[in-house]
């Protein structure tokens, strides 16, 4: 089956993002939430930026 036929079939089935569950509840650790709030973008190395802490 060519790729375009798979795309058409997937669109008709209503799946918007293949490979992702519709409703996924998961625990996100405090450390991961803290890192996410302090991390810089990937082009800057995704390091923690202390200036984002505020005063």
PDB file of N, CA and C in Angstrom:
ATOM      1  N   UNK A   1       0.851  -1.176   0.000  1.00  0.00           N
ATOM      2  CA  UNK A   1       0.000   0.000   0.000  1.00  0.00           C
ATOM      3  C   UNK A   1       0.897   1.241   0.000  1.00  0.00           C
ATOM      4  N   UNK A   2       0.749   2.100  -0.985  1.00  0.00           N
ATOM      5  CA  UNK A   2       1.554   3.334  -1.019  1.00  0.00           C
ATOM      6  C   UNK A   2       1.240   4.240   0.172  1.00  0.00           C
ATOM      7  N   UNK A   3       2.192   5.099   0.489  1.00  0.00           N
ATOM      8  CA  UNK A   3       2.051   5.983   1.650  1.00  0.00           C
ATOM      9  C   UNK A   3       0.825   6.877   1.577  1.00  0.00           C
ATOM     10  N   UNK A   4       0.495   7.386   0.410  1.00  0.00           N
ATOM     11  CA  UNK A   4      -0.639   8.302   0.309  1.00  0.00           C
ATOM     12  C   UNK A   4      -1.942   7.599   0.635  1.00  0.00           C
ATOM     13  N   UNK A   5      -2.035   6.292   0.319  1.00  0.00           N
ATOM     14  CA  UNK A   5      -3.248   5.546   0.663  1.00  0.00           C
ATOM     15  C   UNK A   5      -3.359   5.367   2.177  1.00  0.00           C
ATOM     16  N   UNK A   6      -2.235   5.195   2.839  1.00  0.00           N
ATOM     17  CA  UNK A   6      -2.246   5.082   4.294  1.00  0.00           C
ATOM     18  C   UNK A   6      -2.694   6.394   4.932  1.00  0.00           C
ATOM     19  N   UNK A   7      -2.227   7.496   4.372  1.00  0.00           N
ATOM     20  CA  UNK A   7      -2.609   8.811   4.903  1.00  0.00           C
ATOM     21  C   UNK A   7      -4.108   9.022   4.746  1.00  0.00           C
ATOM     22  N   UNK A   8      -4.642   8.690   3.579  1.00  0.00           N
ATOM     23  CA  UNK A   8      -6.078   8.847   3.332  1.00  0.00           C
ATOM     24  C   UNK A   8      -6.876   7.966   4.286  1.00  0.00           C
ATOM     25  N   UNK A   9      -6.438   6.730   4.473  1.00  0.00           N
ATOM     26  CA  UNK A   9      -7.130   5.807   5.374  1.00  0.00           C
ATOM     27  C   UNK A   9      -7.105   6.327   6.808  1.00  0.00           C
ATOM     28  N   UNK A  10      -5.960   6.859   7.244  1.00  0.00           N
ATOM     29  CA  UNK A  10      -5.826   7.385   8.602  1.00  0.00           C
ATOM     30  C   UNK A  10      -6.716   8.611   8.795  1.00  0.00           C
ATOM     31  N   UNK A  11      -6.772   9.480   7.798  1.00  0.00           N
ATOM     32  CA  UNK A  11      -7.616  10.676   7.909  1.00  0.00           C
ATOM     33  C   UNK A  11      -9.090  10.313   8.010  1.00  0.00           C
ATOM     34  N   UNK A  12      -9.497   9.295   7.252  1.00  0.00           N
ATOM     35  CA  UNK A  12     -10.896   8.864   7.292  1.00  0.00           C
ATOM     36  C   UNK A  12     -11.258   8.242   8.633  1.00  0.00           C
ATOM     37  N   UNK A  13     -10.280   7.619   9.288  1.00  0.00           N
ATOM     38  CA  UNK A  13     -10.550   6.975  10.571  1.00  0.00           C
ATOM     39  C   UNK A  13     -10.643   7.986  11.710  1.00  0.00           C
ATOM     40  N   UNK A  14     -10.214   9.229  11.481  1.00  0.00           N
ATOM     41  CA  UNK A  14     -10.328  10.269  12.494  1.00  0.00           C
ATOM     42  C   UNK A  14      -9.115  10.416  13.381  1.00  0.00           C
ATOM     43  N   UNK A  15      -8.052   9.689  13.114  1.00  0.00           N
ATOM     44  CA  UNK A  15      -6.831   9.792  13.910  1.00  0.00           C
ATOM     45  C   UNK A  15      -6.066  11.022  13.447  1.00  0.00           C
ATOM     46  N   UNK A  16      -5.822  11.952  14.361  1.00  0.00           N
ATOM     47  CA  UNK A  16      -5.119  13.175  13.974  1.00  0.00           C
ATOM     48  C   UNK A  16      -3.611  13.033  14.102  1.00  0.00           C
ATOM     49  N   UNK A  17      -3.159  12.423  15.198  1.00  0.00           N
ATOM     50  CA  UNK A  17      -1.728  12.223  15.413  1.00  0.00           C
ATOM     51  C   UNK A  17      -1.485  10.737  15.648  1.00  0.00           C
ATOM     52  N   UNK A  18      -1.010  10.033  14.661  1.00  0.00           N
ATOM     53  CA  UNK A  18      -0.794   8.599  14.863  1.00  0.00           C
ATOM     54  C   UNK A  18       0.279   8.335  15.914  1.00  0.00           C
ATOM     55  N   UNK A  19       0.044   7.324  16.720  1.00  0.00           N
ATOM     56  CA  UNK A  19       1.026   6.951  17.727  1.00  0.00           C
ATOM     57  C   UNK A  19       0.862   7.637  19.063  1.00  0.00           C
ATOM     58  N   UNK A  20      -0.111   8.515  19.191  1.00  0.00           N
ATOM     59  CA  UNK A  20      -0.331   9.179  20.477  1.00  0.00           C
ATOM     60  C   UNK A  20      -1.691   8.767  21.030  1.00  0.00           C
ATOM     61  N   UNK A  21      -1.765   8.431  22.299  1.00  0.00           N
ATOM     62  CA  UNK A  21      -3.046   8.047  22.891  1.00  0.00           C
ATOM     63  C   UNK A  21      -3.972   9.256  23.027  1.00  0.00           C
ATOM     64  N   UNK A  22      -5.271   9.017  22.968  1.00  0.00           N
ATOM     65  CA  UNK A  22      -6.225  10.124  23.063  1.00  0.00           C
ATOM     66  C   UNK A  22      -6.234  10.735  24.455  1.00  0.00           C
ATOM     67  N   UNK A  23      -6.426   9.925  25.449  1.00  0.00           N
ATOM     68  CA  UNK A  23      -6.462  10.412  26.830  1.00  0.00           C
ATOM     69  C   UNK A  23      -5.393   9.679  27.621  1.00  0.00           C
ATOM     70  N   UNK A  24      -4.362  10.369  27.957  1.00  0.00           N
ATOM     71  CA  UNK A  24      -3.274   9.742  28.700  1.00  0.00           C
ATOM     72  C   UNK A  24      -3.048  10.517  29.986  1.00  0.00           C
ATOM     73  N   UNK A  25      -3.334   9.887  31.091  1.00  0.00           N
ATOM     74  CA  UNK A  25      -3.081  10.496  32.386  1.00  0.00           C
ATOM     75  C   UNK A  25      -1.798   9.902  32.936  1.00  0.00           C
ATOM     76  N   UNK A  26      -0.864  10.752  33.279  1.00  0.00           N
ATOM     77  CA  UNK A  26       0.396  10.262  33.825  1.00  0.00           C
ATOM     78  C   UNK A  26       0.908  11.227  34.871  1.00  0.00           C
ATOM     79  N   UNK A  27       1.711  10.694  35.761  1.00  0.00           N
ATOM     80  CA  UNK A  27       2.316  11.494  36.811  1.00  0.00           C
ATOM     81  C   UNK A  27       3.601  12.123  36.284  1.00  0.00           C
ATOM     82  N   UNK A  28       3.733  13.415  36.473  1.00  0.00           N
ATOM     83  CA  UNK A  28       4.961  14.117  36.109  1.00  0.00           C
ATOM     84  C   UNK A  28       5.632  14.521  37.413  1.00  0.00           C
ATOM     85  N   UNK A  29       6.871  14.082  37.572  1.00  0.00           N
ATOM     86  CA  UNK A  29       7.564  14.331  38.836  1.00  0.00           C
ATOM     87  C   UNK A  29       7.821  15.826  39.039  1.00  0.00           C
ATOM     88  N   UNK A  30       8.002  16.188  40.294  1.00  0.00           N
ATOM     89  CA  UNK A  30       8.304  17.578  40.633  1.00  0.00           C
ATOM     90  C   UNK A  30       9.606  18.016  39.966  1.00  0.00           C
ATOM     91  N   UNK A  31      10.594  17.118  39.937  1.00  0.00           N
ATOM     92  CA  UNK A  31      11.886  17.449  39.331  1.00  0.00           C
ATOM     93  C   UNK A  31      11.734  17.752  37.845  1.00  0.00           C
ATOM     94  N   UNK A  32      10.905  16.982  37.146  1.00  0.00           N
ATOM     95  CA  UNK A  32      10.702  17.219  35.720  1.00  0.00           C
ATOM     96  C   UNK A  32       9.961  18.531  35.483  1.00  0.00           C
ATOM     97  N   UNK A  33       8.971  18.831  36.321  1.00  0.00           N
ATOM     98  CA  UNK A  33       8.261  20.109  36.184  1.00  0.00           C
ATOM     99  C   UNK A  33       9.189  21.282  36.462  1.00  0.00           C
ATOM    100  N   UNK A  34      10.061  21.148  37.453  1.00  0.00           N
ATOM    101  CA  UNK A  34      11.013  22.210  37.776  1.00  0.00           C
ATOM    102  C   UNK A  34      11.997  22.411  36.633  1.00  0.00           C
ATOM    103  N   UNK A  35      12.500  21.321  36.073  1.00  0.00           N
ATOM    104  CA  UNK A  35      13.434  21.421  34.951  1.00  0.00           C
ATOM    105  C   UNK A  35      12.752  22.071  33.748  1.00  0.00           C
ATOM    106  N   UNK A  36      11.517  21.675  33.472  1.00  0.00           N
ATOM    107  CA  UNK A  36      10.799  22.226  32.327  1.00  0.00           C
ATOM    108  C   UNK A  36      10.590  23.726  32.468  1.00  0.00           C
ATOM    109  N   UNK A  37      10.378  24.196  33.683  1.00  0.00           N
ATOM    110  CA  UNK A  37      10.153  25.630  33.869  1.00  0.00           C
ATOM    111  C   UNK A  37      11.443  26.435  33.790  1.00  0.00           C
ATOM    112  N   UNK A  38      12.585  25.794  34.008  1.00  0.00           N
ATOM    113  CA  UNK A  38      13.862  26.507  34.009  1.00  0.00           C
ATOM    114  C   UNK A  38      14.711  26.264  32.763  1.00  0.00           C
ATOM    115  N   UNK A  39      14.363  25.282  31.954  1.00  0.00           N
ATOM    116  CA  UNK A  39      15.215  24.907  30.822  1.00  0.00           C
ATOM    117  C   UNK A  39      15.118  25.921  29.689  1.00  0.00           C
ATOM    118  N   UNK A  40      16.246  26.127  29.023  1.00  0.00           N
ATOM    119  CA  UNK A  40      16.273  26.976  27.836  1.00  0.00           C
ATOM    120  C   UNK A  40      15.950  26.113  26.626  1.00  0.00           C
ATOM    121  N   UNK A  41      15.833  26.726  25.472  1.00  0.00           N
ATOM    122  CA  UNK A  41      15.492  25.969  24.276  1.00  0.00           C
ATOM    123  C   UNK A  41      16.656  25.088  23.823  1.00  0.00           C
ATOM    124  N   UNK A  42      16.347  24.135  22.957  1.00  0.00           N
ATOM    125  CA  UNK A  42      17.341  23.157  22.510  1.00  0.00           C
ATOM    126  C   UNK A  42      18.490  23.814  21.754  1.00  0.00           C
ATOM    127  N   UNK A  43      18.219  24.898  21.030  1.00  0.00           N
ATOM    128  CA  UNK A  43      19.300  25.541  20.279  1.00  0.00           C
ATOM    129  C   UNK A  43      20.312  26.231  21.196  1.00  0.00           C
ATOM    130  N   UNK A  44      19.936  26.420  22.456  1.00  0.00           N
ATOM    131  CA  UNK A  44      20.860  27.002  23.439  1.00  0.00           C
ATOM    132  C   UNK A  44      21.439  25.927  24.355  1.00  0.00           C
ATOM    133  N   UNK A  45      21.161  24.665  24.049  1.00  0.00           N
ATOM    134  CA  UNK A  45      21.720  23.567  24.815  1.00  0.00           C
ATOM    135  C   UNK A  45      20.791  22.985  25.857  1.00  0.00           C
ATOM    136  N   UNK A  46      19.592  23.524  25.983  1.00  0.00           N
ATOM    137  CA  UNK A  46      18.587  23.048  26.939  1.00  0.00           C
ATOM    138  C   UNK A  46      19.153  22.940  28.352  1.00  0.00           C
ATOM    139  N   UNK A  47      19.892  23.955  28.749  1.00  0.00           N
ATOM    140  CA  UNK A  47      20.463  23.992  30.101  1.00  0.00           C
ATOM    141  C   UNK A  47      19.531  24.776  31.017  1.00  0.00           C
ATOM    142  N   UNK A  48      19.712  24.644  32.314  1.00  0.00           N
ATOM    143  CA  UNK A  48      18.894  25.386  33.274  1.00  0.00           C
ATOM    144  C   UNK A  48      19.356  26.835  33.333  1.00  0.00           C
ATOM    145  N   UNK A  49      18.403  27.739  33.316  1.00  0.00           N
ATOM    146  CA  UNK A  49      18.675  29.172  33.322  1.00  0.00           C
ATOM    147  C   UNK A  49      18.180  29.750  34.648  1.00  0.00           C
ATOM    148  N   UNK A  50      19.114  30.103  35.526  1.00  0.00           N
ATOM    149  CA  UNK A  50      18.744  30.612  36.852  1.00  0.00           C
ATOM    150  C   UNK A  50      18.008  31.941  36.784  1.00  0.00           C
ATOM    151  N   UNK A  51      18.174  32.691  35.700  1.00  0.00           N
ATOM    152  CA  UNK A  51      17.492  33.980  35.599  1.00  0.00           C
ATOM    153  C   UNK A  51      15.978  33.810  35.466  1.00  0.00           C
ATOM    154  N   UNK A  52      15.509  32.624  35.126  1.00  0.00           N
ATOM    155  CA  UNK A  52      14.074  32.377  35.023  1.00  0.00           C
ATOM    156  C   UNK A  52      13.420  32.187  36.385  1.00  0.00           C
ATOM    157  N   UNK A  53      14.222  32.104  37.439  1.00  0.00           N
ATOM    158  CA  UNK A  53      13.679  31.944  38.785  1.00  0.00           C
ATOM    159  C   UNK A  53      12.975  33.197  39.267  1.00  0.00           C
ATOM    160  N   UNK A  54      13.399  34.336  38.813  1.00  0.00           N
ATOM    161  CA  UNK A  54      12.815  35.591  39.272  1.00  0.00           C
ATOM    162  C   UNK A  54      13.508  36.074  40.530  1.00  0.00           C
ATOM    163  N   UNK A  55      12.870  36.990  41.215  1.00  0.00           N
ATOM    164  CA  UNK A  55      13.464  37.556  42.434  1.00  0.00           C
ATOM    165  C   UNK A  55      13.101  36.781  43.658  1.00  0.00           C
TER     166      UNK A  55
END
